[in-house]
Structures are given as C-alpha cells and as structure tokens.
Amino acid sequence: MGHHYTPREHLRRFACTEAPEHIRMFDKNLRRFHPKPLHVNVVANEKAYYPNEVEKDLADNIEGPGNICARKLMAHQTLTGTERHQFATYMMTMNTRGPRHRRKNQDRTKRLFPETIAEAREAVNAPDASQAFKDRAMQDILAFEKNPTTPEIEALIKTPFKSPL
C-alpha cells in the first residue's frame, strides 16, 4: 500500500451501502465506473508518494484534527474558531494533495520560468540598485538559468503544504 493522497477516512464518507469499506470509482480514461466497488485501501494512493515525514505530518497535524471537525459537522455540531481553522486547513490541504495538482504546479513552474528570469533581469538593471547587488544578482540569475529547479523547489511542489516562503 502506498501513501494516500485522498485520506482513507474521507474516502469512507463515500462508501457503498452494500460494501462499507468500498467506494465506486470512475475511470476517467475509460469514461466509465469501475465494474466493482474498490476497497478504500487501494484507492487514491501511490507508493512513495510522500516522504515518510510528510505522511506523518499530514496524519498528525492535518488529517487528525480535520477528521474530528468533519465528524462534528456530520453530527450537526458547531465548530469552535480553532476547529474552523483546522477544518479549513484540512480542506485546502486536501485540495492540493493529488497527482493532478502536483502536475499543474510542475507545469506552472516551467511556464513561469522565462517570466521570472525577465523580471529578475529588470530588477537588476534598476537605476537605484548598487553595483554589488547587481553583480550578486546576475550570478544568481545565471545559475538559475542553468538549473531552474532545485531539490528544495521540487520538494515544495511534491508536498501538499503551503509554501514557507
């Protein structure tokens, strides 16, 4: 079993009445539902999708509190201010977890690269920039042009968390 990019507890909310730990899956490629319900353990996961520390962070800090809030909402209970924040964080994180979002971020990074370089060159050539800044910045720009992605950038794209930057 791999790392779930859609939490199992969330998947269980869509369980079939005839098969409690199973859900019906729509195959986007074949444009039809899978012939039989699939167990939540085999749905929406991929081997080594996240590093183990990300999986643990998701479970402890996002999914745990978020699932408690979801259960309260389904029981028609009111959330506290803190719980509303936890549930919003849970929902936003779920929105950024899947392979489609990861691909979109990778594509966006490649698409924005020329624009970013152009903006950096423009900033370097600003009349009020010091020569020391210009020299340092041009070195960074040239290095970035040679290798636009770094392990740190790739790691940010592959995690569902908001950027610390």
C-alpha atoms as a PDB file:
ATOM      1  CA  MET A   1       0.000   0.000   0.000  1.00  0.00           C
ATOM      2  CA  GLY A   2       1.247   3.494  -0.794  1.00  0.00           C
ATOM      3  CA  HIS A   3       0.620   6.935   0.592  1.00  0.00           C
ATOM      4  CA  HIS A   4      -2.948   8.128   0.194  1.00  0.00           C
ATOM      5  CA  TYR A   5      -3.321  11.494  -1.468  1.00  0.00           C
ATOM      6  CA  THR A   6      -7.005  11.345  -0.528  1.00  0.00           C
ATOM      7  CA  PRO A   7      -7.289  10.318   3.123  1.00  0.00           C
ATOM      8  CA  ARG A   8      -8.951   6.969   3.769  1.00  0.00           C
ATOM      9  CA  GLU A   9     -11.323   8.417   6.342  1.00  0.00           C
ATOM     10  CA  HIS A  10     -12.520  10.899   3.743  1.00  0.00           C
ATOM     11  CA  LEU A  11     -12.954   8.111   1.173  1.00  0.00           C
ATOM     12  CA  ARG A  12     -15.043   6.153   3.686  1.00  0.00           C
ATOM     13  CA  ARG A  13     -17.564   9.000   3.686  1.00  0.00           C
ATOM     14  CA  PHE A  14     -18.456   7.860   0.151  1.00  0.00           C
ATOM     15  CA  ALA A  15     -18.698   4.153   0.973  1.00  0.00           C
ATOM     16  CA  CYS A  16     -21.199   1.946  -0.827  1.00  0.00           C
ATOM     17  CA  THR A  17     -24.153   0.915   1.272  1.00  0.00           C
ATOM     18  CA  GLU A  18     -23.708  -2.682   0.119  1.00  0.00           C
ATOM     19  CA  ALA A  19     -19.941  -2.738   0.815  1.00  0.00           C
ATOM     20  CA  PRO A  20     -18.988  -0.473   3.747  1.00  0.00           C
ATOM     21  CA  GLU A  21     -15.195  -0.227   3.213  1.00  0.00           C
ATOM     22  CA  HIS A  22     -15.580   0.135  -0.567  1.00  0.00           C
ATOM     23  CA  ILE A  23     -16.319   3.003  -2.949  1.00  0.00           C
ATOM     24  CA  ARG A  24     -17.328   3.194  -6.577  1.00  0.00           C
ATOM     25  CA  MET A  25     -14.573   4.643  -8.741  1.00  0.00           C
ATOM     26  CA  PHE A  26     -14.990   6.429 -12.048  1.00  0.00           C
ATOM     27  CA  ASP A  27     -12.244   5.638 -14.542  1.00  0.00           C
ATOM     28  CA  LYS A  28     -11.519   8.952 -16.274  1.00  0.00           C
ATOM     29  CA  ASN A  29      -9.569   7.253 -19.073  1.00  0.00           C
ATOM     30  CA  LEU A  30     -12.277   4.719 -19.912  1.00  0.00           C
ATOM     31  CA  ARG A  31     -15.055   7.222 -19.079  1.00  0.00           C
ATOM     32  CA  ARG A  32     -16.998   4.673 -17.020  1.00  0.00           C
ATOM     33  CA  PHE A  33     -17.321   3.373 -13.496  1.00  0.00           C
ATOM     34  CA  HIS A  34     -15.079   0.526 -12.393  1.00  0.00           C
ATOM     35  CA  PRO A  35     -17.104  -2.724 -12.635  1.00  0.00           C
ATOM     36  CA  LYS A  36     -16.990  -3.394  -8.892  1.00  0.00           C
ATOM     37  CA  PRO A  37     -16.501  -1.225  -5.797  1.00  0.00           C
ATOM     38  CA  LEU A  38     -12.881  -0.902  -4.683  1.00  0.00           C
ATOM     39  CA  HIS A  39     -11.594  -1.064  -1.108  1.00  0.00           C
ATOM     40  CA  VAL A  40     -10.541   2.327   0.280  1.00  0.00           C
ATOM     41  CA  ASN A  41      -7.050   0.944   0.995  1.00  0.00           C
ATOM     42  CA  VAL A  42      -6.325   0.628  -2.742  1.00  0.00           C
ATOM     43  CA  VAL A  43      -7.891   3.880  -3.929  1.00  0.00           C
ATOM     44  CA  ALA A  44      -6.178   7.266  -4.359  1.00  0.00           C
ATOM     45  CA  ASN A  45      -2.721   6.182  -3.264  1.00  0.00           C
ATOM     46  CA  GLU A  46       0.689   5.768  -4.787  1.00  0.00           C
ATOM     47  CA  LYS A  47       3.800   4.070  -3.479  1.00  0.00           C
ATOM     48  CA  ALA A  48       6.305   6.589  -2.064  1.00  0.00           C
ATOM     49  CA  TYR A  49       4.044   9.498  -2.999  1.00  0.00           C
ATOM     50  CA  TYR A  50       5.260  11.414   0.052  1.00  0.00           C
ATOM     51  CA  PRO A  51       8.374  11.129   2.162  1.00  0.00           C
ATOM     52  CA  ASN A  52       7.529   9.444   5.476  1.00  0.00           C
ATOM     53  CA  GLU A  53       7.937  12.669   7.452  1.00  0.00           C
ATOM     54  CA  VAL A  54       5.351  14.395   5.219  1.00  0.00           C
ATOM     55  CA  GLU A  55       2.938  11.470   5.628  1.00  0.00           C
ATOM     56  CA  LYS A  56       3.358  11.670   9.429  1.00  0.00           C
ATOM     57  CA  ASP A  57       2.923  15.451   9.439  1.00  0.00           C
ATOM     58  CA  LEU A  58      -0.270  15.102   7.378  1.00  0.00           C
ATOM     59  CA  ALA A  59      -1.662  12.433   9.690  1.00  0.00           C
ATOM     60  CA  ASP A  60      -0.817  14.233  12.929  1.00  0.00           C
ATOM     61  CA  ASN A  61      -1.373  17.893  12.077  1.00  0.00           C
ATOM     62  CA  ILE A  62      -3.869  18.000   9.210  1.00  0.00           C
ATOM     63  CA  GLU A  63      -5.938  14.816   8.931  1.00  0.00           C
ATOM     64  CA  GLY A  64      -6.364  14.083  12.640  1.00  0.00           C
ATOM     65  CA  PRO A  65      -7.824  17.481  13.573  1.00  0.00           C
ATOM     66  CA  GLY A  66      -9.662  17.753  10.236  1.00  0.00           C
ATOM     67  CA  ASN A  67     -11.361  14.391  10.653  1.00  0.00           C
ATOM     68  CA  ILE A  68     -12.544  15.320  14.147  1.00  0.00           C
ATOM     69  CA  CYS A  69     -14.060  18.506  12.709  1.00  0.00           C
ATOM     70  CA  ALA A  70     -15.696  16.624   9.816  1.00  0.00           C
ATOM     71  CA  ARG A  71     -17.289  14.157  12.238  1.00  0.00           C
ATOM     72  CA  LYS A  72     -18.627  17.059  14.323  1.00  0.00           C
ATOM     73  CA  LEU A  73     -20.098  18.728  11.235  1.00  0.00           C
ATOM     74  CA  MET A  74     -21.735  15.484  10.094  1.00  0.00           C
ATOM     75  CA  ALA A  75     -23.263  15.216  13.584  1.00  0.00           C
ATOM     76  CA  HIS A  76     -24.627  18.794  13.134  1.00  0.00           C
ATOM     77  CA  GLN A  77     -22.385  20.143  15.901  1.00  0.00           C
ATOM     78  CA  THR A  78     -20.899  23.629  15.909  1.00  0.00           C
ATOM     79  CA  LEU A  79     -17.165  24.138  15.399  1.00  0.00           C
ATOM     80  CA  THR A  80     -15.118  26.473  17.563  1.00  0.00           C
ATOM     81  CA  GLY A  81     -12.965  29.145  15.936  1.00  0.00           C
ATOM     82  CA  THR A  82      -9.901  26.927  16.250  1.00  0.00           C
ATOM     83  CA  GLU A  83     -11.779  23.990  14.754  1.00  0.00           C
ATOM     84  CA  ARG A  84     -12.982  26.118  11.826  1.00  0.00           C
ATOM     85  CA  HIS A  85      -9.353  26.981  11.101  1.00  0.00           C
ATOM     86  CA  GLN A  86      -8.327  23.308  11.414  1.00  0.00           C
ATOM     87  CA  PHE A  87     -11.115  22.219   9.062  1.00  0.00           C
ATOM     88  CA  ALA A  88     -10.272  24.947   6.527  1.00  0.00           C
ATOM     89  CA  THR A  89      -6.626  23.846   6.614  1.00  0.00           C
ATOM     90  CA  TYR A  90      -7.719  20.225   6.139  1.00  0.00           C
ATOM     91  CA  MET A  91      -9.906  21.085   3.141  1.00  0.00           C
ATOM     92  CA  MET A  92      -7.292  23.314   1.487  1.00  0.00           C
ATOM     93  CA  THR A  93      -4.600  20.696   2.012  1.00  0.00           C
ATOM     94  CA  MET A  94      -6.825  18.001   0.500  1.00  0.00           C
ATOM     95  CA  ASN A  95      -7.274  20.267  -2.498  1.00  0.00           C
ATOM     96  CA  THR A  96      -3.506  20.322  -3.091  1.00  0.00           C
ATOM     97  CA  ARG A  97      -2.661  16.675  -2.492  1.00  0.00           C
ATOM     98  CA  GLY A  98      -3.385  14.787  -5.684  1.00  0.00           C
ATOM     99  CA  PRO A  99      -1.266  13.990  -8.716  1.00  0.00           C
ATOM    100  CA  ARG A 100      -3.206  16.436 -10.903  1.00  0.00           C
ATOM    101  CA  HIS A 101      -2.345  19.360  -8.611  1.00  0.00           C
ATOM    102  CA  ARG A 102       1.286  18.226  -8.459  1.00  0.00           C
ATOM    103  CA  ARG A 103       1.475  18.121 -12.279  1.00  0.00           C
ATOM    104  CA  LYS A 104      -0.149  21.557 -12.510  1.00  0.00           C
ATOM    105  CA  ASN A 105       2.463  23.001 -10.144  1.00  0.00           C
ATOM    106  CA  GLN A 106       5.305  21.427 -12.119  1.00  0.00           C
ATOM    107  CA  ASP A 107       3.843  22.818 -15.369  1.00  0.00           C
ATOM    108  CA  ARG A 108       3.291  26.227 -13.762  1.00  0.00           C
ATOM    109  CA  THR A 109       6.914  26.306 -12.601  1.00  0.00           C
ATOM    110  CA  LYS A 110       8.185  25.586 -16.123  1.00  0.00           C
ATOM    111  CA  ARG A 111       5.795  28.114 -17.672  1.00  0.00           C
ATOM    112  CA  LEU A 112       6.731  30.911 -15.249  1.00  0.00           C
ATOM    113  CA  PHE A 113      10.479  30.376 -15.580  1.00  0.00           C
ATOM    114  CA  PRO A 114      11.068  32.796 -18.516  1.00  0.00           C
ATOM    115  CA  GLU A 115       8.857  35.440 -16.902  1.00  0.00           C
ATOM    116  CA  THR A 116      10.723  35.128 -13.603  1.00  0.00           C
ATOM    117  CA  ILE A 117      14.096  35.496 -15.318  1.00  0.00           C
ATOM    118  CA  ALA A 118      12.885  38.568 -17.227  1.00  0.00           C
ATOM    119  CA  GLU A 119      11.598  40.197 -14.021  1.00  0.00           C
ATOM    120  CA  ALA A 120      14.865  39.431 -12.220  1.00  0.00           C
ATOM    121  CA  ARG A 121      16.929  40.957 -15.035  1.00  0.00           C
ATOM    122  CA  GLU A 122      14.723  44.044 -14.976  1.00  0.00           C
ATOM    123  CA  ALA A 123      15.189  44.404 -11.196  1.00  0.00           C
ATOM    124  CA  VAL A 124      18.953  44.032 -11.544  1.00  0.00           C
ATOM    125  CA  ASN A 125      19.043  46.840 -14.087  1.00  0.00           C
ATOM    126  CA  ALA A 126      17.073  49.263 -11.907  1.00  0.00           C
ATOM    127  CA  PRO A 127      18.912  52.585 -11.702  1.00  0.00           C
ATOM    128  CA  ASP A 128      18.885  52.656  -7.899  1.00  0.00           C
ATOM    129  CA  ALA A 129      20.456  49.161  -7.493  1.00  0.00           C
ATOM    130  CA  SER A 130      24.028  49.116  -6.198  1.00  0.00           C
ATOM    131  CA  GLN A 131      26.767  47.527  -8.289  1.00  0.00           C
ATOM    132  CA  ALA A 132      27.397  44.928  -5.566  1.00  0.00           C
ATOM    133  CA  PHE A 133      23.717  43.929  -5.696  1.00  0.00           C
ATOM    134  CA  LYS A 134      23.775  43.794  -9.495  1.00  0.00           C
ATOM    135  CA  ASP A 135      26.865  41.562  -9.543  1.00  0.00           C
ATOM    136  CA  ARG A 136      25.475  39.180  -6.922  1.00  0.00           C
ATOM    137  CA  ALA A 137      22.036  39.078  -8.528  1.00  0.00           C
ATOM    138  CA  MET A 138      23.436  38.404 -12.011  1.00  0.00           C
ATOM    139  CA  GLN A 139      25.403  35.450 -10.643  1.00  0.00           C
ATOM    140  CA  ASP A 140      22.188  34.074  -9.138  1.00  0.00           C
ATOM    141  CA  ILE A 141      20.259  34.632 -12.381  1.00  0.00           C
ATOM    142  CA  LEU A 142      22.910  32.877 -14.470  1.00  0.00           C
ATOM    143  CA  ALA A 143      22.987  29.942 -12.048  1.00  0.00           C
ATOM    144  CA  PHE A 144      19.189  29.760 -12.076  1.00  0.00           C
ATOM    145  CA  GLU A 145      19.132  29.769 -15.883  1.00  0.00           C
ATOM    146  CA  LYS A 146      21.477  26.764 -15.908  1.00  0.00           C
ATOM    147  CA  ASN A 147      19.427  24.841 -13.335  1.00  0.00           C
ATOM    148  CA  PRO A 148      15.934  26.287 -12.756  1.00  0.00           C
ATOM    149  CA  THR A 149      14.816  23.644 -10.286  1.00  0.00           C
ATOM    150  CA  THR A 150      16.478  22.717  -7.066  1.00  0.00           C
ATOM    151  CA  PRO A 151      15.773  19.847  -4.701  1.00  0.00           C
ATOM    152  CA  GLU A 152      14.120  22.383  -2.390  1.00  0.00           C
ATOM    153  CA  ILE A 153      11.747  23.605  -5.128  1.00  0.00           C
ATOM    154  CA  GLU A 154      10.932  20.046  -6.180  1.00  0.00           C
ATOM    155  CA  ALA A 155      10.223  19.140  -2.538  1.00  0.00           C
ATOM    156  CA  LEU A 156       7.857  22.107  -2.190  1.00  0.00           C
ATOM    157  CA  ILE A 157       5.971  21.047  -5.313  1.00  0.00           C
ATOM    158  CA  LYS A 158       5.656  17.494  -4.034  1.00  0.00           C
ATOM    159  CA  THR A 159       4.245  18.402  -0.630  1.00  0.00           C
ATOM    160  CA  PRO A 160       0.663  19.469  -0.004  1.00  0.00           C
ATOM    161  CA  PHE A 161       1.622  22.155   2.472  1.00  0.00           C
ATOM    162  CA  LYS A 162       1.613  25.884   1.910  1.00  0.00           C
ATOM    163  CA  SER A 163       4.986  27.291   0.984  1.00  0.00           C
ATOM    164  CA  PRO A 164       7.064  28.609   3.877  1.00  0.00           C
ATOM    165  CA  LEU A 165       8.381  31.319   1.559  1.00  0.00           C
END
